[in-house]
Amino acid sequence: MKNFNIPSNIEDKIFEIKLHSNGSILKIISYFPLSKFERETLISFLHLIDFSEFYSIFTDSVTNDEWNRTKTQIKKRFQNELFDIDSKF
């Protein structure tokens, strides 16, 4: 992922930042829904006025403790499943 100089604790929760062809941010995709504070922090750090294109892969909400305890497993499993999808086609 391109370095956007956002706090590492939030960057860690982001799966992908999609960009427009001009390099501006199209959407931010996280593993789980980001909290209001995290979204506001991203908007501030990235200087995104009126940005609301936040998406998440999973719909469950998790606490920071749950995320920190399981993030390695979640990321690994998700990446493995993506690779399995690619090998089937």
PDB file of N, CA and C in Angstrom:
ATOM      1  N   MET A   1       0.843  -1.170   0.000  1.00  0.00           N
ATOM      2  CA  MET A   1       0.000   0.000   0.000  1.00  0.00           C
ATOM      3  C   MET A   1       0.891   1.237   0.000  1.00  0.00           C
ATOM      4  N   LYS A   2       0.508   2.220  -0.763  1.00  0.00           N
ATOM      5  CA  LYS A   2       1.217   3.493  -0.816  1.00  0.00           C
ATOM      6  C   LYS A   2       1.267   4.090   0.589  1.00  0.00           C
ATOM      7  N   ASN A   3       2.350   4.773   0.911  1.00  0.00           N
ATOM      8  CA  ASN A   3       2.491   5.366   2.236  1.00  0.00           C
ATOM      9  C   ASN A   3       1.707   6.672   2.303  1.00  0.00           C
ATOM     10  N   PHE A   4       0.663   6.682   3.131  1.00  0.00           N
ATOM     11  CA  PHE A   4      -0.170   7.865   3.286  1.00  0.00           C
ATOM     12  C   PHE A   4       0.103   8.586   4.597  1.00  0.00           C
ATOM     13  N   ASN A   5       1.100   8.126   5.364  1.00  0.00           N
ATOM     14  CA  ASN A   5       1.462   8.735   6.640  1.00  0.00           C
ATOM     15  C   ASN A   5       0.294   8.815   7.612  1.00  0.00           C
ATOM     16  N   ILE A   6      -0.441   7.728   7.724  1.00  0.00           N
ATOM     17  CA  ILE A   6      -1.531   7.665   8.697  1.00  0.00           C
ATOM     18  C   ILE A   6      -1.063   6.840   9.889  1.00  0.00           C
ATOM     19  N   PRO A   7      -1.674   7.020  11.043  1.00  0.00           N
ATOM     20  CA  PRO A   7      -1.236   6.268  12.223  1.00  0.00           C
ATOM     21  C   PRO A   7      -1.230   4.759  11.963  1.00  0.00           C
ATOM     22  N   SER A   8      -0.183   4.095  12.421  1.00  0.00           N
ATOM     23  CA  SER A   8      -0.008   2.672  12.131  1.00  0.00           C
ATOM     24  C   SER A   8      -1.129   1.813  12.700  1.00  0.00           C
ATOM     25  N   ASN A   9      -1.706   2.222  13.829  1.00  0.00           N
ATOM     26  CA  ASN A   9      -2.785   1.422  14.410  1.00  0.00           C
ATOM     27  C   ASN A   9      -4.032   1.439  13.533  1.00  0.00           C
ATOM     28  N   ILE A  10      -4.220   2.485  12.740  1.00  0.00           N
ATOM     29  CA  ILE A  10      -5.346   2.546  11.810  1.00  0.00           C
ATOM     30  C   ILE A  10      -4.941   1.924  10.472  1.00  0.00           C
ATOM     31  N   GLU A  11      -3.753   2.215  10.020  1.00  0.00           N
ATOM     32  CA  GLU A  11      -3.273   1.647   8.761  1.00  0.00           C
ATOM     33  C   GLU A  11      -3.317   0.124   8.792  1.00  0.00           C
ATOM     34  N   ASP A  12      -3.040  -0.443   9.942  1.00  0.00           N
ATOM     35  CA  ASP A  12      -3.045  -1.889  10.132  1.00  0.00           C
ATOM     36  C   ASP A  12      -4.429  -2.494   9.856  1.00  0.00           C
ATOM     37  N   LYS A  13      -5.475  -1.714  10.057  1.00  0.00           N
ATOM     38  CA  LYS A  13      -6.851  -2.194   9.879  1.00  0.00           C
ATOM     39  C   LYS A  13      -7.346  -2.035   8.439  1.00  0.00           C
ATOM     40  N   ILE A  14      -6.536  -1.398   7.607  1.00  0.00           N
ATOM     41  CA  ILE A  14      -6.944  -1.121   6.230  1.00  0.00           C
ATOM     42  C   ILE A  14      -6.454  -2.216   5.301  1.00  0.00           C
ATOM     43  N   PHE A  15      -7.383  -2.745   4.525  1.00  0.00           N
ATOM     44  CA  PHE A  15      -7.036  -3.750   3.532  1.00  0.00           C
ATOM     45  C   PHE A  15      -6.497  -3.083   2.271  1.00  0.00           C
ATOM     46  N   GLU A  16      -7.168  -2.022   1.820  1.00  0.00           N
ATOM     47  CA  GLU A  16      -6.778  -1.389   0.557  1.00  0.00           C
ATOM     48  C   GLU A  16      -7.306   0.036   0.497  1.00  0.00           C
ATOM     49  N   ILE A  17      -6.536   0.899  -0.140  1.00  0.00           N
ATOM     50  CA  ILE A  17      -6.994   2.245  -0.476  1.00  0.00           C
ATOM     51  C   ILE A  17      -6.996   2.322  -1.992  1.00  0.00           C
ATOM     52  N   LYS A  18      -8.184   2.460  -2.562  1.00  0.00           N
ATOM     53  CA  LYS A  18      -8.318   2.537  -4.017  1.00  0.00           C
ATOM     54  C   LYS A  18      -8.224   3.996  -4.445  1.00  0.00           C
ATOM     55  N   LEU A  19      -7.538   4.215  -5.557  1.00  0.00           N
ATOM     56  CA  LEU A  19      -7.295   5.566  -6.039  1.00  0.00           C
ATOM     57  C   LEU A  19      -7.964   5.807  -7.385  1.00  0.00           C
ATOM     58  N   HIS A  20      -8.341   7.057  -7.615  1.00  0.00           N
ATOM     59  CA  HIS A  20      -8.773   7.489  -8.941  1.00  0.00           C
ATOM     60  C   HIS A  20      -7.535   7.533  -9.835  1.00  0.00           C
ATOM     61  N   SER A  21      -7.731   7.655 -11.126  1.00  0.00           N
ATOM     62  CA  SER A  21      -6.596   7.725 -12.053  1.00  0.00           C
ATOM     63  C   SER A  21      -5.719   8.950 -11.789  1.00  0.00           C
ATOM     64  N   ASN A  22      -6.287   9.987 -11.180  1.00  0.00           N
ATOM     65  CA  ASN A  22      -5.507  11.192 -10.884  1.00  0.00           C
ATOM     66  C   ASN A  22      -4.762  11.098  -9.552  1.00  0.00           C
ATOM     67  N   GLY A  23      -4.877   9.942  -8.857  1.00  0.00           N
ATOM     68  CA  GLY A  23      -4.159   9.729  -7.610  1.00  0.00           C
ATOM     69  C   GLY A  23      -4.943  10.093  -6.362  1.00  0.00           C
ATOM     70  N   SER A  24      -6.110  10.677  -6.518  1.00  0.00           N
ATOM     71  CA  SER A  24      -6.923  10.998  -5.342  1.00  0.00           C
ATOM     72  C   SER A  24      -7.611   9.727  -4.836  1.00  0.00           C
ATOM     73  N   ILE A  25      -7.996   9.736  -3.588  1.00  0.00           N
ATOM     74  CA  ILE A  25      -8.558   8.547  -2.959  1.00  0.00           C
ATOM     75  C   ILE A  25     -10.005   8.345  -3.374  1.00  0.00           C
ATOM     76  N   LEU A  26     -10.286   7.170  -3.906  1.00  0.00           N
ATOM     77  CA  LEU A  26     -11.633   6.790  -4.338  1.00  0.00           C
ATOM     78  C   LEU A  26     -12.389   6.161  -3.178  1.00  0.00           C
ATOM     79  N   LYS A  27     -11.775   5.160  -2.519  1.00  0.00           N
ATOM     80  CA  LYS A  27     -12.411   4.518  -1.372  1.00  0.00           C
ATOM     81  C   LYS A  27     -11.373   3.851  -0.497  1.00  0.00           C
ATOM     82  N   ILE A  28     -11.756   3.692   0.766  1.00  0.00           N
ATOM     83  CA  ILE A  28     -10.914   3.045   1.755  1.00  0.00           C
ATOM     84  C   ILE A  28     -11.635   1.784   2.213  1.00  0.00           C
ATOM     85  N   ILE A  29     -10.950   0.649   2.081  1.00  0.00           N
ATOM     86  CA  ILE A  29     -11.538  -0.637   2.438  1.00  0.00           C
ATOM     87  C   ILE A  29     -10.763  -1.202   3.634  1.00  0.00           C
ATOM     88  N   SER A  30     -11.479  -1.418   4.727  1.00  0.00           N
ATOM     89  CA  SER A  30     -10.875  -1.979   5.926  1.00  0.00           C
ATOM     90  C   SER A  30     -11.364  -3.423   6.105  1.00  0.00           C
ATOM     91  N   TYR A  31     -10.691  -4.140   6.989  1.00  0.00           N
ATOM     92  CA  TYR A  31     -11.124  -5.507   7.262  1.00  0.00           C
ATOM     93  C   TYR A  31     -12.477  -5.505   7.968  1.00  0.00           C
ATOM     94  N   PHE A  32     -12.593  -4.668   9.004  1.00  0.00           N
ATOM     95  CA  PHE A  32     -13.833  -4.510   9.758  1.00  0.00           C
ATOM     96  C   PHE A  32     -14.212  -3.036   9.730  1.00  0.00           C
ATOM     97  N   PRO A  33     -15.463  -2.711   9.984  1.00  0.00           N
ATOM     98  CA  PRO A  33     -15.850  -1.295   9.970  1.00  0.00           C
ATOM     99  C   PRO A  33     -14.991  -0.472  10.939  1.00  0.00           C
ATOM    100  N   LEU A  34     -14.524   0.650  10.447  1.00  0.00           N
ATOM    101  CA  LEU A  34     -13.734   1.540  11.286  1.00  0.00           C
ATOM    102  C   LEU A  34     -14.663   2.330  12.205  1.00  0.00           C
ATOM    103  N   SER A  35     -14.157   2.679  13.359  1.00  0.00           N
ATOM    104  CA  SER A  35     -14.946   3.484  14.283  1.00  0.00           C
ATOM    105  C   SER A  35     -15.074   4.904  13.740  1.00  0.00           C
ATOM    106  N   LYS A  36     -16.000   5.634  14.291  1.00  0.00           N
ATOM    107  CA  LYS A  36     -16.173   7.033  13.878  1.00  0.00           C
ATOM    108  C   LYS A  36     -14.881   7.810  14.096  1.00  0.00           C
ATOM    109  N   PHE A  37     -14.226   7.585  15.217  1.00  0.00           N
ATOM    110  CA  PHE A  37     -12.962   8.258  15.501  1.00  0.00           C
ATOM    111  C   PHE A  37     -11.897   7.904  14.463  1.00  0.00           C
ATOM    112  N   GLU A  38     -11.805   6.634  14.096  1.00  0.00           N
ATOM    113  CA  GLU A  38     -10.818   6.210  13.094  1.00  0.00           C
ATOM    114  C   GLU A  38     -11.107   6.837  11.740  1.00  0.00           C
ATOM    115  N   ARG A  39     -12.370   6.872  11.336  1.00  0.00           N
ATOM    116  CA  ARG A  39     -12.740   7.517  10.068  1.00  0.00           C
ATOM    117  C   ARG A  39     -12.397   9.008  10.098  1.00  0.00           C
ATOM    118  N   GLU A  40     -12.713   9.669  11.202  1.00  0.00           N
ATOM    119  CA  GLU A  40     -12.404  11.099  11.332  1.00  0.00           C
ATOM    120  C   GLU A  40     -10.900  11.344  11.307  1.00  0.00           C
ATOM    121  N   THR A  41     -10.149  10.448  11.929  1.00  0.00           N
ATOM    122  CA  THR A  41      -8.687  10.561  11.923  1.00  0.00           C
ATOM    123  C   THR A  41      -8.151  10.438  10.503  1.00  0.00           C
ATOM    124  N   LEU A  42      -8.658   9.468   9.749  1.00  0.00           N
ATOM    125  CA  LEU A  42      -8.220   9.306   8.353  1.00  0.00           C
ATOM    126  C   LEU A  42      -8.571  10.535   7.533  1.00  0.00           C
ATOM    127  N   ILE A  43      -9.772  11.021   7.689  1.00  0.00           N
ATOM    128  CA  ILE A  43     -10.200  12.209   6.942  1.00  0.00           C
ATOM    129  C   ILE A  43      -9.268  13.380   7.244  1.00  0.00           C
ATOM    130  N   SER A  44      -8.903  13.533   8.498  1.00  0.00           N
ATOM    131  CA  SER A  44      -8.014  14.618   8.899  1.00  0.00           C
ATOM    132  C   SER A  44      -6.596  14.422   8.345  1.00  0.00           C
ATOM    133  N   PHE A  45      -6.022  13.236   8.547  1.00  0.00           N
ATOM    134  CA  PHE A  45      -4.654  12.973   8.090  1.00  0.00           C
ATOM    135  C   PHE A  45      -4.528  13.066   6.576  1.00  0.00           C
ATOM    136  N   LEU A  46      -5.564  12.623   5.872  1.00  0.00           N
ATOM    137  CA  LEU A  46      -5.507  12.577   4.411  1.00  0.00           C
ATOM    138  C   LEU A  46      -6.093  13.823   3.753  1.00  0.00           C
ATOM    139  N   HIS A  47      -6.528  14.767   4.577  1.00  0.00           N
ATOM    140  CA  HIS A  47      -7.094  16.027   4.075  1.00  0.00           C
ATOM    141  C   HIS A  47      -8.230  15.772   3.080  1.00  0.00           C
ATOM    142  N   LEU A  48      -9.177  14.944   3.507  1.00  0.00           N
ATOM    143  CA  LEU A  48     -10.299  14.553   2.656  1.00  0.00           C
ATOM    144  C   LEU A  48     -11.569  15.275   3.104  1.00  0.00           C
ATOM    145  N   ILE A  49     -11.888  16.345   2.462  1.00  0.00           N
ATOM    146  CA  ILE A  49     -13.092  17.104   2.807  1.00  0.00           C
ATOM    147  C   ILE A  49     -14.313  16.357   2.271  1.00  0.00           C
ATOM    148  N   ASP A  50     -15.309  16.153   3.133  1.00  0.00           N
ATOM    149  CA  ASP A  50     -16.573  15.499   2.770  1.00  0.00           C
ATOM    150  C   ASP A  50     -16.394  14.080   2.235  1.00  0.00           C
ATOM    151  N   PHE A  51     -15.378  13.375   2.661  1.00  0.00           N
ATOM    152  CA  PHE A  51     -15.150  11.999   2.211  1.00  0.00           C
ATOM    153  C   PHE A  51     -16.001  11.041   3.030  1.00  0.00           C
ATOM    154  N   SER A  52     -16.656  10.106   2.357  1.00  0.00           N
ATOM    155  CA  SER A  52     -17.493   9.136   3.079  1.00  0.00           C
ATOM    156  C   SER A  52     -17.419   7.739   2.465  1.00  0.00           C
ATOM    157  N   GLU A  53     -16.453   7.487   1.631  1.00  0.00           N
ATOM    158  CA  GLU A  53     -16.359   6.212   0.912  1.00  0.00           C
ATOM    159  C   GLU A  53     -15.560   5.178   1.704  1.00  0.00           C
ATOM    160  N   PHE A  54     -16.086   4.832   2.875  1.00  0.00           N
ATOM    161  CA  PHE A  54     -15.479   3.805   3.719  1.00  0.00           C
ATOM    162  C   PHE A  54     -16.257   2.507   3.536  1.00  0.00           C
ATOM    163  N   TYR A  55     -15.528   1.433   3.320  1.00  0.00           N
ATOM    164  CA  TYR A  55     -16.128   0.117   3.140  1.00  0.00           C
ATOM    165  C   TYR A  55     -15.354  -0.868   4.000  1.00  0.00           C
ATOM    166  N   SER A  56     -15.977  -2.009   4.281  1.00  0.00           N
ATOM    167  CA  SER A  56     -15.265  -3.043   5.023  1.00  0.00           C
ATOM    168  C   SER A  56     -15.585  -4.403   4.410  1.00  0.00           C
ATOM    169  N   ILE A  57     -14.647  -5.297   4.545  1.00  0.00           N
ATOM    170  CA  ILE A  57     -14.807  -6.651   4.023  1.00  0.00           C
ATOM    171  C   ILE A  57     -15.805  -7.420   4.876  1.00  0.00           C
ATOM    172  N   PHE A  58     -15.637  -7.317   6.186  1.00  0.00           N
ATOM    173  CA  PHE A  58     -16.523  -7.998   7.126  1.00  0.00           C
ATOM    174  C   PHE A  58     -17.436  -6.966   7.771  1.00  0.00           C
ATOM    175  N   THR A  59     -18.643  -7.367   8.124  1.00  0.00           N
ATOM    176  CA  THR A  59     -19.598  -6.428   8.702  1.00  0.00           C
ATOM    177  C   THR A  59     -19.596  -6.434  10.225  1.00  0.00           C
ATOM    178  N   ASP A  60     -19.011  -7.441  10.833  1.00  0.00           N
ATOM    179  CA  ASP A  60     -18.954  -7.510  12.295  1.00  0.00           C
ATOM    180  C   ASP A  60     -18.107  -6.361  12.832  1.00  0.00           C
ATOM    181  N   SER A  61     -18.486  -5.881  13.978  1.00  0.00           N
ATOM    182  CA  SER A  61     -17.650  -4.895  14.670  1.00  0.00           C
ATOM    183  C   SER A  61     -16.777  -5.632  15.667  1.00  0.00           C
ATOM    184  N   VAL A  62     -15.539  -5.213  15.761  1.00  0.00           N
ATOM    185  CA  VAL A  62     -14.619  -5.821  16.720  1.00  0.00           C
ATOM    186  C   VAL A  62     -13.959  -4.716  17.538  1.00  0.00           C
ATOM    187  N   THR A  63     -13.654  -5.048  18.776  1.00  0.00           N
ATOM    188  CA  THR A  63     -12.947  -4.095  19.627  1.00  0.00           C
ATOM    189  C   THR A  63     -11.473  -4.073  19.222  1.00  0.00           C
ATOM    190  N   ASN A  64     -10.766  -3.071  19.687  1.00  0.00           N
ATOM    191  CA  ASN A  64      -9.330  -3.012  19.403  1.00  0.00           C
ATOM    192  C   ASN A  64      -8.608  -4.208  20.009  1.00  0.00           C
ATOM    193  N   ASP A  65      -9.039  -4.642  21.193  1.00  0.00           N
ATOM    194  CA  ASP A  65      -8.423  -5.828  21.808  1.00  0.00           C
ATOM    195  C   ASP A  65      -8.633  -7.069  20.949  1.00  0.00           C
ATOM    196  N   GLU A  66      -9.865  -7.252  20.459  1.00  0.00           N
ATOM    197  CA  GLU A  66     -10.154  -8.408  19.590  1.00  0.00           C
ATOM    198  C   GLU A  66      -9.329  -8.331  18.313  1.00  0.00           C
ATOM    199  N   TRP A  67      -9.247  -7.143  17.739  1.00  0.00           N
ATOM    200  CA  TRP A  67      -8.481  -6.963  16.507  1.00  0.00           C
ATOM    201  C   TRP A  67      -7.006  -7.306  16.748  1.00  0.00           C
ATOM    202  N   ASN A  68      -6.444  -6.751  17.802  1.00  0.00           N
ATOM    203  CA  ASN A  68      -5.027  -6.993  18.082  1.00  0.00           C
ATOM    204  C   ASN A  68      -4.743  -8.457  18.377  1.00  0.00           C
ATOM    205  N   ARG A  69      -5.685  -9.143  18.973  1.00  0.00           N
ATOM    206  CA  ARG A  69      -5.505 -10.549  19.304  1.00  0.00           C
ATOM    207  C   ARG A  69      -5.624 -11.451  18.072  1.00  0.00           C
ATOM    208  N   THR A  70      -6.424 -11.071  17.105  1.00  0.00           N
ATOM    209  CA  THR A  70      -6.721 -11.972  15.977  1.00  0.00           C
ATOM    210  C   THR A  70      -6.278 -11.469  14.605  1.00  0.00           C
ATOM    211  N   LYS A  71      -5.715 -10.287  14.521  1.00  0.00           N
ATOM    212  CA  LYS A  71      -5.435  -9.691  13.202  1.00  0.00           C
ATOM    213  C   LYS A  71      -4.510 -10.538  12.334  1.00  0.00           C
ATOM    214  N   THR A  72      -3.510 -11.153  12.915  1.00  0.00           N
ATOM    215  CA  THR A  72      -2.583 -11.965  12.116  1.00  0.00           C
ATOM    216  C   THR A  72      -3.316 -13.140  11.485  1.00  0.00           C
ATOM    217  N   GLN A  73      -4.147 -13.808  12.272  1.00  0.00           N
ATOM    218  CA  GLN A  73      -4.919 -14.941  11.750  1.00  0.00           C
ATOM    219  C   GLN A  73      -5.900 -14.476  10.669  1.00  0.00           C
ATOM    220  N   ILE A  74      -6.579 -13.378  10.919  1.00  0.00           N
ATOM    221  CA  ILE A  74      -7.573 -12.867   9.971  1.00  0.00           C
ATOM    222  C   ILE A  74      -6.909 -12.515   8.652  1.00  0.00           C
ATOM    223  N   LYS A  75      -5.822 -11.767   8.712  1.00  0.00           N
ATOM    224  CA  LYS A  75      -5.120 -11.362   7.482  1.00  0.00           C
ATOM    225  C   LYS A  75      -4.596 -12.584   6.723  1.00  0.00           C
ATOM    226  N   LYS A  76      -4.007 -13.526   7.440  1.00  0.00           N
ATOM    227  CA  LYS A  76      -3.459 -14.717   6.791  1.00  0.00           C
ATOM    228  C   LYS A  76      -4.574 -15.535   6.142  1.00  0.00           C
ATOM    229  N   ARG A  77      -5.652 -15.742   6.868  1.00  0.00           N
ATOM    230  CA  ARG A  77      -6.762 -16.529   6.322  1.00  0.00           C
ATOM    231  C   ARG A  77      -7.368 -15.839   5.108  1.00  0.00           C
ATOM    232  N   PHE A  78      -7.542 -14.547   5.196  1.00  0.00           N
ATOM    233  CA  PHE A  78      -8.117 -13.807   4.082  1.00  0.00           C
ATOM    234  C   PHE A  78      -7.214 -13.891   2.852  1.00  0.00           C
ATOM    235  N   GLN A  79      -5.920 -13.706   3.030  1.00  0.00           N
ATOM    236  CA  GLN A  79      -4.990 -13.799   1.909  1.00  0.00           C
ATOM    237  C   GLN A  79      -4.984 -15.208   1.322  1.00  0.00           C
ATOM    238  N   ASN A  80      -5.005 -16.230   2.164  1.00  0.00           N
ATOM    239  CA  ASN A  80      -5.030 -17.618   1.687  1.00  0.00           C
ATOM    240  C   ASN A  80      -6.286 -17.891   0.871  1.00  0.00           C
ATOM    241  N   GLU A  81      -7.423 -17.387   1.326  1.00  0.00           N
ATOM    242  CA  GLU A  81      -8.673 -17.584   0.591  1.00  0.00           C
ATOM    243  C   GLU A  81      -8.640 -16.875  -0.749  1.00  0.00           C
ATOM    244  N   LEU A  82      -8.020 -15.699  -0.804  1.00  0.00           N
ATOM    245  CA  LEU A  82      -7.890 -14.999  -2.086  1.00  0.00           C
ATOM    246  C   LEU A  82      -7.029 -15.807  -3.047  1.00  0.00           C
ATOM    247  N   PHE A  83      -5.935 -16.360  -2.553  1.00  0.00           N
ATOM    248  CA  PHE A  83      -5.068 -17.161  -3.412  1.00  0.00           C
ATOM    249  C   PHE A  83      -5.787 -18.413  -3.876  1.00  0.00           C
ATOM    250  N   ASP A  84      -6.593 -19.017  -3.012  1.00  0.00           N
ATOM    251  CA  ASP A  84      -7.365 -20.202  -3.403  1.00  0.00           C
ATOM    252  C   ASP A  84      -8.362 -19.861  -4.495  1.00  0.00           C
ATOM    253  N   ILE A  85      -8.980 -18.695  -4.420  1.00  0.00           N
ATOM    254  CA  ILE A  85      -9.928 -18.269  -5.453  1.00  0.00           C
ATOM    255  C   ILE A  85      -9.198 -18.144  -6.792  1.00  0.00           C
ATOM    256  N   ASP A  86      -8.022 -17.519  -6.767  1.00  0.00           N
ATOM    257  CA  ASP A  86      -7.249 -17.334  -8.001  1.00  0.00           C
ATOM    258  C   ASP A  86      -6.849 -18.679  -8.615  1.00  0.00           C
ATOM    259  N   SER A  87      -6.511 -19.652  -7.790  1.00  0.00           N
ATOM    260  CA  SER A  87      -6.056 -20.933  -8.343  1.00  0.00           C
ATOM    261  C   SER A  87      -7.200 -21.760  -8.922  1.00  0.00           C
ATOM    262  N   LYS A  88      -8.423 -21.446  -8.558  1.00  0.00           N
ATOM    263  CA  LYS A  88      -9.573 -22.184  -9.084  1.00  0.00           C
ATOM    264  C   LYS A  88      -9.961 -21.704 -10.470  1.00  0.00           C
ATOM    265  N   PHE A  89      -9.491 -20.551 -10.868  1.00  0.00           N
ATOM    266  CA  PHE A  89      -9.897 -19.994 -12.170  1.00  0.00           C
ATOM    267  C   PHE A  89      -8.799 -20.057 -13.166  1.00  0.00           C
TER     268      PHE A  89
END
